[in-house]
Structures are given as C-alpha cells and as structure tokens.
Amino acid sequence: RLGSERLLGADVLQNACLMELLVFVG
C-alpha cells in the first residue's frame, strides 16, 4: 500500500516495515 502512496514519509514508513519484517523473519 505504501508503494502506491505519494504522501510525505511513505518511503520512511516502508523502511520501518522492512525493519519489522526482517526482525520477524529472523
């Protein structure tokens, strides 16, 4: 969903999601 957003901070929130996903998978 964030990938299609054009709002401020969408990329930062994607990075946060990636961090969460990497920790979860580990």
mmCIF file of all heavy atoms, coordinates in Angstrom:
data_MODEL
# 
_entry.id   MODEL 
# 
loop_
_atom_site.group_PDB 
_atom_site.id 
_atom_site.type_symbol 
_atom_site.label_atom_id 
_atom_site.label_alt_id 
_atom_site.label_comp_id 
_atom_site.label_asym_id 
_atom_site.label_entity_id 
_atom_site.label_seq_id 
_atom_site.pdbx_PDB_ins_code 
_atom_site.Cartn_x 
_atom_site.Cartn_y 
_atom_site.Cartn_z 
_atom_site.occupancy 
_atom_site.B_iso_or_equiv 
_atom_site.pdbx_formal_charge 
_atom_site.auth_seq_id 
_atom_site.auth_comp_id 
_atom_site.auth_asym_id 
_atom_site.auth_atom_id 
_atom_site.pdbx_PDB_model_num 
ATOM 1   N N   . ARG A 1 1  ? 0.830  -1.217  0.000  1.00 0.00 ? 1  ARG A N   1 
ATOM 2   C CA  . ARG A 1 1  ? 0.000  0.000   0.000  1.00 0.00 ? 1  ARG A CA  1 
ATOM 3   C C   . ARG A 1 1  ? 0.857  1.258   0.000  1.00 0.00 ? 1  ARG A C   1 
ATOM 4   O O   . ARG A 1 1  ? 0.572  2.215   -0.732 1.00 0.00 ? 1  ARG A O   1 
ATOM 5   C CB  . ARG A 1 1  ? -0.931 -0.010  1.218  1.00 0.00 ? 1  ARG A CB  1 
ATOM 6   C CG  . ARG A 1 1  ? -2.032 -1.056  1.174  1.00 0.00 ? 1  ARG A CG  1 
ATOM 7   C CD  . ARG A 1 1  ? -3.088 -0.779  2.229  1.00 0.00 ? 1  ARG A CD  1 
ATOM 8   N NE  . ARG A 1 1  ? -2.539 -0.855  3.576  1.00 0.00 ? 1  ARG A NE  1 
ATOM 9   C CZ  . ARG A 1 1  ? -2.492 -1.966  4.300  1.00 0.00 ? 1  ARG A CZ  1 
ATOM 10  N NH1 . ARG A 1 1  ? -2.923 -3.117  3.796  1.00 0.00 ? 1  ARG A NH1 1 
ATOM 11  N NH2 . ARG A 1 1  ? -1.992 -1.940  5.525  1.00 0.00 ? 1  ARG A NH2 1 
ATOM 12  N N   . LEU A 1 2  ? 1.907  1.262   0.792  1.00 0.00 ? 2  LEU A N   1 
ATOM 13  C CA  . LEU A 1 2  ? 2.772  2.441   0.863  1.00 0.00 ? 2  LEU A CA  1 
ATOM 14  C C   . LEU A 1 2  ? 3.480  2.697   -0.463 1.00 0.00 ? 2  LEU A C   1 
ATOM 15  O O   . LEU A 1 2  ? 3.801  3.843   -0.791 1.00 0.00 ? 2  LEU A O   1 
ATOM 16  C CB  . LEU A 1 2  ? 3.803  2.267   1.978  1.00 0.00 ? 2  LEU A CB  1 
ATOM 17  C CG  . LEU A 1 2  ? 3.270  2.381   3.411  1.00 0.00 ? 2  LEU A CG  1 
ATOM 18  C CD1 . LEU A 1 2  ? 4.280  1.821   4.404  1.00 0.00 ? 2  LEU A CD1 1 
ATOM 19  C CD2 . LEU A 1 2  ? 2.936  3.838   3.738  1.00 0.00 ? 2  LEU A CD2 1 
ATOM 20  N N   . GLY A 1 3  ? 3.695  1.631   -1.231 1.00 0.00 ? 3  GLY A N   1 
ATOM 21  C CA  . GLY A 1 3  ? 4.359  1.790   -2.514 1.00 0.00 ? 3  GLY A CA  1 
ATOM 22  C C   . GLY A 1 3  ? 3.571  2.619   -3.504 1.00 0.00 ? 3  GLY A C   1 
ATOM 23  O O   . GLY A 1 3  ? 4.148  3.191   -4.442 1.00 0.00 ? 3  GLY A O   1 
ATOM 24  N N   . SER A 1 4  ? 2.253  2.688   -3.329 1.00 0.00 ? 4  SER A N   1 
ATOM 25  C CA  . SER A 1 4  ? 1.425  3.481   -4.240 1.00 0.00 ? 4  SER A CA  1 
ATOM 26  C C   . SER A 1 4  ? 1.058  4.841   -3.658 1.00 0.00 ? 4  SER A C   1 
ATOM 27  O O   . SER A 1 4  ? 0.386  5.639   -4.304 1.00 0.00 ? 4  SER A O   1 
ATOM 28  C CB  . SER A 1 4  ? 0.136  2.711   -4.580 1.00 0.00 ? 4  SER A CB  1 
ATOM 29  O OG  . SER A 1 4  ? -0.618 2.445   -3.403 1.00 0.00 ? 4  SER A OG  1 
ATOM 30  N N   . GLU A 1 5  ? 1.496  5.123   -2.445 1.00 0.00 ? 5  GLU A N   1 
ATOM 31  C CA  . GLU A 1 5  ? 1.197  6.410   -1.818 1.00 0.00 ? 5  GLU A CA  1 
ATOM 32  C C   . GLU A 1 5  ? 2.161  7.487   -2.309 1.00 0.00 ? 5  GLU A C   1 
ATOM 33  O O   . GLU A 1 5  ? 3.316  7.214   -2.624 1.00 0.00 ? 5  GLU A O   1 
ATOM 34  C CB  . GLU A 1 5  ? 1.313  6.310   -0.289 1.00 0.00 ? 5  GLU A CB  1 
ATOM 35  C CG  . GLU A 1 5  ? 0.097  5.730   0.374  1.00 0.00 ? 5  GLU A CG  1 
ATOM 36  C CD  . GLU A 1 5  ? 0.160  5.896   1.897  1.00 0.00 ? 5  GLU A CD  1 
ATOM 37  O OE1 . GLU A 1 5  ? 1.059  6.621   2.381  1.00 0.00 ? 5  GLU A OE1 1 
ATOM 38  O OE2 . GLU A 1 5  ? -0.681 5.306   2.583  1.00 0.00 ? 5  GLU A OE2 1 
ATOM 39  N N   . ARG A 1 6  ? 1.683  8.716   -2.347 1.00 0.00 ? 6  ARG A N   1 
ATOM 40  C CA  . ARG A 1 6  ? 2.527  9.853   -2.689 1.00 0.00 ? 6  ARG A CA  1 
ATOM 41  C C   . ARG A 1 6  ? 2.609  10.841  -1.540 1.00 0.00 ? 6  ARG A C   1 
ATOM 42  O O   . ARG A 1 6  ? 3.010  11.980  -1.716 1.00 0.00 ? 6  ARG A O   1 
ATOM 43  C CB  . ARG A 1 6  ? 1.975  10.555  -3.951 1.00 0.00 ? 6  ARG A CB  1 
ATOM 44  C CG  . ARG A 1 6  ? 1.981  9.688   -5.196 1.00 0.00 ? 6  ARG A CG  1 
ATOM 45  C CD  . ARG A 1 6  ? 3.403  9.333   -5.618 1.00 0.00 ? 6  ARG A CD  1 
ATOM 46  N NE  . ARG A 1 6  ? 3.445  8.453   -6.778 1.00 0.00 ? 6  ARG A NE  1 
ATOM 47  C CZ  . ARG A 1 6  ? 3.533  7.137   -6.709 1.00 0.00 ? 6  ARG A CZ  1 
ATOM 48  N NH1 . ARG A 1 6  ? 3.586  6.539   -5.509 1.00 0.00 ? 6  ARG A NH1 1 
ATOM 49  N NH2 . ARG A 1 6  ? 3.556  6.402   -7.802 1.00 0.00 ? 6  ARG A NH2 1 
ATOM 50  N N   . LEU A 1 7  ? 2.226  10.381  -0.352 1.00 0.00 ? 7  LEU A N   1 
ATOM 51  C CA  . LEU A 1 7  ? 2.223  11.242  0.814  1.00 0.00 ? 7  LEU A CA  1 
ATOM 52  C C   . LEU A 1 7  ? 3.619  11.343  1.419  1.00 0.00 ? 7  LEU A C   1 
ATOM 53  O O   . LEU A 1 7  ? 4.455  10.449  1.248  1.00 0.00 ? 7  LEU A O   1 
ATOM 54  C CB  . LEU A 1 7  ? 1.254  10.700  1.866  1.00 0.00 ? 7  LEU A CB  1 
ATOM 55  C CG  . LEU A 1 7  ? -0.226 10.624  1.449  1.00 0.00 ? 7  LEU A CG  1 
ATOM 56  C CD1 . LEU A 1 7  ? -1.047 9.961   2.547  1.00 0.00 ? 7  LEU A CD1 1 
ATOM 57  C CD2 . LEU A 1 7  ? -0.761 12.017  1.142  1.00 0.00 ? 7  LEU A CD2 1 
ATOM 58  N N   . LEU A 1 8  ? 3.860  12.419  2.142  1.00 0.00 ? 8  LEU A N   1 
ATOM 59  C CA  . LEU A 1 8  ? 5.132  12.622  2.824  1.00 0.00 ? 8  LEU A CA  1 
ATOM 60  C C   . LEU A 1 8  ? 5.428  11.452  3.750  1.00 0.00 ? 8  LEU A C   1 
ATOM 61  O O   . LEU A 1 8  ? 4.575  11.027  4.532  1.00 0.00 ? 8  LEU A O   1 
ATOM 62  C CB  . LEU A 1 8  ? 5.086  13.929  3.632  1.00 0.00 ? 8  LEU A CB  1 
ATOM 63  C CG  . LEU A 1 8  ? 6.313  14.239  4.496  1.00 0.00 ? 8  LEU A CG  1 
ATOM 64  C CD1 . LEU A 1 8  ? 7.513  14.545  3.620  1.00 0.00 ? 8  LEU A CD1 1 
ATOM 65  C CD2 . LEU A 1 8  ? 6.013  15.403  5.445  1.00 0.00 ? 8  LEU A CD2 1 
ATOM 66  N N   . GLY A 1 9  ? 6.639  10.925  3.667  1.00 0.00 ? 9  GLY A N   1 
ATOM 67  C CA  . GLY A 1 9  ? 7.078  9.897   4.603  1.00 0.00 ? 9  GLY A CA  1 
ATOM 68  C C   . GLY A 1 9  ? 6.736  8.473   4.222  1.00 0.00 ? 9  GLY A C   1 
ATOM 69  O O   . GLY A 1 9  ? 7.041  7.548   4.987  1.00 0.00 ? 9  GLY A O   1 
ATOM 70  N N   . ALA A 1 10 ? 6.121  8.264   3.049  1.00 0.00 ? 10 ALA A N   1 
ATOM 71  C CA  . ALA A 1 10 ? 5.766  6.894   2.648  1.00 0.00 ? 10 ALA A CA  1 
ATOM 72  C C   . ALA A 1 10 ? 7.004  6.008   2.566  1.00 0.00 ? 10 ALA A C   1 
ATOM 73  O O   . ALA A 1 10 ? 6.985  4.841   2.970  1.00 0.00 ? 10 ALA A O   1 
ATOM 74  C CB  . ALA A 1 10 ? 5.025  6.902   1.313  1.00 0.00 ? 10 ALA A CB  1 
ATOM 75  N N   . ASP A 1 11 ? 8.105  6.567   2.049  1.00 0.00 ? 11 ASP A N   1 
ATOM 76  C CA  . ASP A 1 11 ? 9.340  5.779   1.932  1.00 0.00 ? 11 ASP A CA  1 
ATOM 77  C C   . ASP A 1 11 ? 9.920  5.448   3.307  1.00 0.00 ? 11 ASP A C   1 
ATOM 78  O O   . ASP A 1 11 ? 10.439 4.351   3.531  1.00 0.00 ? 11 ASP A O   1 
ATOM 79  C CB  . ASP A 1 11 ? 10.366 6.511   1.074  1.00 0.00 ? 11 ASP A CB  1 
ATOM 80  C CG  . ASP A 1 11 ? 10.713 7.891   1.607  1.00 0.00 ? 11 ASP A CG  1 
ATOM 81  O OD1 . ASP A 1 11 ? 9.897  8.469   2.357  1.00 0.00 ? 11 ASP A OD1 1 
ATOM 82  O OD2 . ASP A 1 11 ? 11.797 8.406   1.267  1.00 0.00 ? 11 ASP A OD2 1 
ATOM 83  N N   . VAL A 1 12 ? 9.820  6.391   4.240  1.00 0.00 ? 12 VAL A N   1 
ATOM 84  C CA  . VAL A 1 12 ? 10.325 6.158   5.590  1.00 0.00 ? 12 VAL A CA  1 
ATOM 85  C C   . VAL A 1 12 ? 9.519  5.045   6.260  1.00 0.00 ? 12 VAL A C   1 
ATOM 86  O O   . VAL A 1 12 ? 10.079 4.160   6.937  1.00 0.00 ? 12 VAL A O   1 
ATOM 87  C CB  . VAL A 1 12 ? 10.250 7.454   6.428  1.00 0.00 ? 12 VAL A CB  1 
ATOM 88  C CG1 . VAL A 1 12 ? 10.669 7.181   7.883  1.00 0.00 ? 12 VAL A CG1 1 
ATOM 89  C CG2 . VAL A 1 12 ? 11.126 8.528   5.810  1.00 0.00 ? 12 VAL A CG2 1 
ATOM 90  N N   . LEU A 1 13 ? 8.208  5.069   6.064  1.00 0.00 ? 13 LEU A N   1 
ATOM 91  C CA  . LEU A 1 13 ? 7.359  4.037   6.648  1.00 0.00 ? 13 LEU A CA  1 
ATOM 92  C C   . LEU A 1 13 ? 7.636  2.677   6.019  1.00 0.00 ? 13 LEU A C   1 
ATOM 93  O O   . LEU A 1 13 ? 7.582  1.646   6.696  1.00 0.00 ? 13 LEU A O   1 
ATOM 94  C CB  . LEU A 1 13 ? 5.887  4.411   6.484  1.00 0.00 ? 13 LEU A CB  1 
ATOM 95  C CG  . LEU A 1 13 ? 5.428  5.637   7.284  1.00 0.00 ? 13 LEU A CG  1 
ATOM 96  C CD1 . LEU A 1 13 ? 3.979  5.988   6.940  1.00 0.00 ? 13 LEU A CD1 1 
ATOM 97  C CD2 . LEU A 1 13 ? 5.557  5.366   8.779  1.00 0.00 ? 13 LEU A CD2 1 
ATOM 98  N N   . GLN A 1 14 ? 7.959  2.659   4.726  1.00 0.00 ? 14 GLN A N   1 
ATOM 99  C CA  . GLN A 1 14 ? 8.341  1.404   4.086  1.00 0.00 ? 14 GLN A CA  1 
ATOM 100 C C   . GLN A 1 14 ? 9.615  0.843   4.711  1.00 0.00 ? 14 GLN A C   1 
ATOM 101 O O   . GLN A 1 14 ? 9.727  -0.363  4.947  1.00 0.00 ? 14 GLN A O   1 
ATOM 102 C CB  . GLN A 1 14 ? 8.539  1.598   2.580  1.00 0.00 ? 14 GLN A CB  1 
ATOM 103 C CG  . GLN A 1 14 ? 7.259  1.550   1.758  1.00 0.00 ? 14 GLN A CG  1 
ATOM 104 C CD  . GLN A 1 14 ? 7.552  1.400   0.284  1.00 0.00 ? 14 GLN A CD  1 
ATOM 105 O OE1 . GLN A 1 14 ? 8.464  2.037   -0.253 1.00 0.00 ? 14 GLN A OE1 1 
ATOM 106 N NE2 . GLN A 1 14 ? 6.797  0.562   -0.392 1.00 0.00 ? 14 GLN A NE2 1 
ATOM 107 N N   . ASN A 1 15 ? 10.586 1.709   4.967  1.00 0.00 ? 15 ASN A N   1 
ATOM 108 C CA  . ASN A 1 15 ? 11.815 1.276   5.617  1.00 0.00 ? 15 ASN A CA  1 
ATOM 109 C C   . ASN A 1 15 ? 11.527 0.681   6.995  1.00 0.00 ? 15 ASN A C   1 
ATOM 110 O O   . ASN A 1 15 ? 12.113 -0.326  7.391  1.00 0.00 ? 15 ASN A O   1 
ATOM 111 C CB  . ASN A 1 15 ? 12.790 2.443   5.756  1.00 0.00 ? 15 ASN A CB  1 
ATOM 112 C CG  . ASN A 1 15 ? 13.348 2.916   4.434  1.00 0.00 ? 15 ASN A CG  1 
ATOM 113 O OD1 . ASN A 1 15 ? 13.113 2.300   3.395  1.00 0.00 ? 15 ASN A OD1 1 
ATOM 114 N ND2 . ASN A 1 15 ? 14.084 4.012   4.457  1.00 0.00 ? 15 ASN A ND2 1 
ATOM 115 N N   . ALA A 1 16 ? 10.596 1.326   7.720  1.00 0.00 ? 16 ALA A N   1 
ATOM 116 C CA  . ALA A 1 16 ? 10.229 0.823   9.046  1.00 0.00 ? 16 ALA A CA  1 
ATOM 117 C C   . ALA A 1 16 ? 9.573  -0.556  8.933  1.00 0.00 ? 16 ALA A C   1 
ATOM 118 O O   . ALA A 1 16 ? 9.829  -1.452  9.749  1.00 0.00 ? 16 ALA A O   1 
ATOM 119 C CB  . ALA A 1 16 ? 9.294  1.809   9.736  1.00 0.00 ? 16 ALA A CB  1 
ATOM 120 N N   . CYS A 1 17 ? 8.748  -0.732  7.905  1.00 0.00 ? 17 CYS A N   1 
ATOM 121 C CA  . CYS A 1 17 ? 8.100  -2.027  7.678  1.00 0.00 ? 17 CYS A CA  1 
ATOM 122 C C   . CYS A 1 17 ? 9.139  -3.093  7.346  1.00 0.00 ? 17 CYS A C   1 
ATOM 123 O O   . CYS A 1 17 ? 9.038  -4.239  7.796  1.00 0.00 ? 17 CYS A O   1 
ATOM 124 C CB  . CYS A 1 17 ? 7.081  -1.929  6.549  1.00 0.00 ? 17 CYS A CB  1 
ATOM 125 S SG  . CYS A 1 17 ? 5.569  -1.029  6.956  1.00 0.00 ? 17 CYS A SG  1 
ATOM 126 N N   . LEU A 1 18 ? 10.135 -2.711  6.551  1.00 0.00 ? 18 LEU A N   1 
ATOM 127 C CA  . LEU A 1 18 ? 11.189 -3.661  6.206  1.00 0.00 ? 18 LEU A CA  1 
ATOM 128 C C   . LEU A 1 18 ? 11.940 -4.102  7.456  1.00 0.00 ? 18 LEU A C   1 
ATOM 129 O O   . LEU A 1 18 ? 12.226 -5.296  7.636  1.00 0.00 ? 18 LEU A O   1 
ATOM 130 C CB  . LEU A 1 18 ? 12.159 -3.038  5.207  1.00 0.00 ? 18 LEU A CB  1 
ATOM 131 C CG  . LEU A 1 18 ? 13.374 -3.897  4.857  1.00 0.00 ? 18 LEU A CG  1 
ATOM 132 C CD1 . LEU A 1 18 ? 12.957 -5.190  4.162  1.00 0.00 ? 18 LEU A CD1 1 
ATOM 133 C CD2 . LEU A 1 18 ? 14.368 -3.120  3.987  1.00 0.00 ? 18 LEU A CD2 1 
ATOM 134 N N   . MET A 1 19 ? 12.256 -3.155  8.325  1.00 0.00 ? 19 MET A N   1 
ATOM 135 C CA  . MET A 1 19 ? 12.928 -3.496  9.570  1.00 0.00 ? 19 MET A CA  1 
ATOM 136 C C   . MET A 1 19 ? 12.094 -4.484  10.375 1.00 0.00 ? 19 MET A C   1 
ATOM 137 O O   . MET A 1 19 ? 12.616 -5.490  10.888 1.00 0.00 ? 19 MET A O   1 
ATOM 138 C CB  . MET A 1 19 ? 13.182 -2.231  10.403 1.00 0.00 ? 19 MET A CB  1 
ATOM 139 C CG  . MET A 1 19 ? 14.198 -1.275  9.818  1.00 0.00 ? 19 MET A CG  1 
ATOM 140 S SD  . MET A 1 19 ? 14.340 0.240   10.806 1.00 0.00 ? 19 MET A SD  1 
ATOM 141 C CE  . MET A 1 19 ? 15.074 -0.396  12.304 1.00 0.00 ? 19 MET A CE  1 
ATOM 142 N N   . GLU A 1 20 ? 10.814 -4.220  10.476 1.00 0.00 ? 20 GLU A N   1 
ATOM 143 C CA  . GLU A 1 20 ? 9.919  -5.096  11.228 1.00 0.00 ? 20 GLU A CA  1 
ATOM 144 C C   . GLU A 1 20 ? 9.884  -6.493  10.611 1.00 0.00 ? 20 GLU A C   1 
ATOM 145 O O   . GLU A 1 20 ? 9.924  -7.507  11.310 1.00 0.00 ? 20 GLU A O   1 
ATOM 146 C CB  . GLU A 1 20 ? 8.513  -4.497  11.262 1.00 0.00 ? 20 GLU A CB  1 
ATOM 147 C CG  . GLU A 1 20 ? 7.519  -5.308  12.079 1.00 0.00 ? 20 GLU A CG  1 
ATOM 148 C CD  . GLU A 1 20 ? 6.143  -4.670  12.138 1.00 0.00 ? 20 GLU A CD  1 
ATOM 149 O OE1 . GLU A 1 20 ? 5.995  -3.507  11.694 1.00 0.00 ? 20 GLU A OE1 1 
ATOM 150 O OE2 . GLU A 1 20 ? 5.208  -5.348  12.621 1.00 0.00 ? 20 GLU A OE2 1 
ATOM 151 N N   . LEU A 1 21 ? 9.828  -6.553  9.279  1.00 0.00 ? 21 LEU A N   1 
ATOM 152 C CA  . LEU A 1 21 ? 9.759  -7.835  8.582  1.00 0.00 ? 21 LEU A CA  1 
ATOM 153 C C   . LEU A 1 21 ? 11.046 -8.635  8.764  1.00 0.00 ? 21 LEU A C   1 
ATOM 154 O O   . LEU A 1 21 ? 11.010 -9.854  8.993  1.00 0.00 ? 21 LEU A O   1 
ATOM 155 C CB  . LEU A 1 21 ? 9.491  -7.588  7.091  1.00 0.00 ? 21 LEU A CB  1 
ATOM 156 C CG  . LEU A 1 21 ? 8.832  -8.715  6.301  1.00 0.00 ? 21 LEU A CG  1 
ATOM 157 C CD1 . LEU A 1 21 ? 7.497  -9.107  6.916  1.00 0.00 ? 21 LEU A CD1 1 
ATOM 158 C CD2 . LEU A 1 21 ? 8.634  -8.288  4.855  1.00 0.00 ? 21 LEU A CD2 1 
ATOM 159 N N   . LEU A 1 22 ? 12.189 -7.969  8.671  1.00 0.00 ? 22 LEU A N   1 
ATOM 160 C CA  . LEU A 1 22 ? 13.464 -8.662  8.826  1.00 0.00 ? 22 LEU A CA  1 
ATOM 161 C C   . LEU A 1 22 ? 13.639 -9.209  10.243 1.00 0.00 ? 22 LEU A C   1 
ATOM 162 O O   . LEU A 1 22 ? 14.124 -10.336 10.425 1.00 0.00 ? 22 LEU A O   1 
ATOM 163 C CB  . LEU A 1 22 ? 14.611 -7.712  8.482  1.00 0.00 ? 22 LEU A CB  1 
ATOM 164 C CG  . LEU A 1 22 ? 14.812 -7.428  6.995  1.00 0.00 ? 22 LEU A CG  1 
ATOM 165 C CD1 . LEU A 1 22 ? 15.677 -6.194  6.788  1.00 0.00 ? 22 LEU A CD1 1 
ATOM 166 C CD2 . LEU A 1 22 ? 15.433 -8.623  6.287  1.00 0.00 ? 22 LEU A CD2 1 
ATOM 167 N N   . VAL A 1 23 ? 13.241 -8.437  11.231 1.00 0.00 ? 23 VAL A N   1 
ATOM 168 C CA  . VAL A 1 23 ? 13.307 -8.915  12.615 1.00 0.00 ? 23 VAL A CA  1 
ATOM 169 C C   . VAL A 1 23 ? 12.365 -10.103 12.796 1.00 0.00 ? 23 VAL A C   1 
ATOM 170 O O   . VAL A 1 23 ? 12.729 -11.127 13.399 1.00 0.00 ? 23 VAL A O   1 
ATOM 171 C CB  . VAL A 1 23 ? 12.961 -7.790  13.604 1.00 0.00 ? 23 VAL A CB  1 
ATOM 172 C CG1 . VAL A 1 23 ? 12.784 -8.355  15.016 1.00 0.00 ? 23 VAL A CG1 1 
ATOM 173 C CG2 . VAL A 1 23 ? 14.041 -6.723  13.601 1.00 0.00 ? 23 VAL A CG2 1 
ATOM 174 N N   . PHE A 1 24 ? 11.153 -9.993  12.258 1.00 0.00 ? 24 PHE A N   1 
ATOM 175 C CA  . PHE A 1 24 ? 10.170 -11.060 12.398 1.00 0.00 ? 24 PHE A CA  1 
ATOM 176 C C   . PHE A 1 24 ? 10.661 -12.351 11.756 1.00 0.00 ? 24 PHE A C   1 
ATOM 177 O O   . PHE A 1 24 ? 10.587 -13.430 12.356 1.00 0.00 ? 24 PHE A O   1 
ATOM 178 C CB  . PHE A 1 24 ? 8.848  -10.623 11.768 1.00 0.00 ? 24 PHE A CB  1 
ATOM 179 C CG  . PHE A 1 24 ? 7.813  -11.716 11.724 1.00 0.00 ? 24 PHE A CG  1 
ATOM 180 C CD1 . PHE A 1 24 ? 7.190  -12.152 12.876 1.00 0.00 ? 24 PHE A CD1 1 
ATOM 181 C CD2 . PHE A 1 24 ? 7.476  -12.326 10.524 1.00 0.00 ? 24 PHE A CD2 1 
ATOM 182 C CE1 . PHE A 1 24 ? 6.252  -13.179 12.850 1.00 0.00 ? 24 PHE A CE1 1 
ATOM 183 C CE2 . PHE A 1 24 ? 6.545  -13.341 10.466 1.00 0.00 ? 24 PHE A CE2 1 
ATOM 184 C CZ  . PHE A 1 24 ? 5.928  -13.764 11.633 1.00 0.00 ? 24 PHE A CZ  1 
ATOM 185 N N   . VAL A 1 25 ? 11.175 -12.271 10.521 1.00 0.00 ? 25 VAL A N   1 
ATOM 186 C CA  . VAL A 1 25 ? 11.645 -13.472 9.829  1.00 0.00 ? 25 VAL A CA  1 
ATOM 187 C C   . VAL A 1 25 ? 12.840 -14.084 10.570 1.00 0.00 ? 25 VAL A C   1 
ATOM 188 O O   . VAL A 1 25 ? 12.938 -15.313 10.698 1.00 0.00 ? 25 VAL A O   1 
ATOM 189 C CB  . VAL A 1 25 ? 12.014 -13.153 8.366  1.00 0.00 ? 25 VAL A CB  1 
ATOM 190 C CG1 . VAL A 1 25 ? 12.680 -14.357 7.703  1.00 0.00 ? 25 VAL A CG1 1 
ATOM 191 C CG2 . VAL A 1 25 ? 10.771 -12.759 7.579  1.00 0.00 ? 25 VAL A CG2 1 
ATOM 192 N N   . GLY A 1 26 ? 13.736 -13.240 11.062 1.00 0.00 ? 26 GLY A N   1 
ATOM 193 C CA  . GLY A 1 26 ? 14.862 -13.759 11.840 1.00 0.00 ? 26 GLY A CA  1 
ATOM 194 C C   . GLY A 1 26 ? 14.393 -14.529 13.063 1.00 0.00 ? 26 GLY A C   1 
ATOM 195 O O   . GLY A 1 26 ? 14.926 -15.603 13.386 1.00 0.00 ? 26 GLY A O   1 
# 
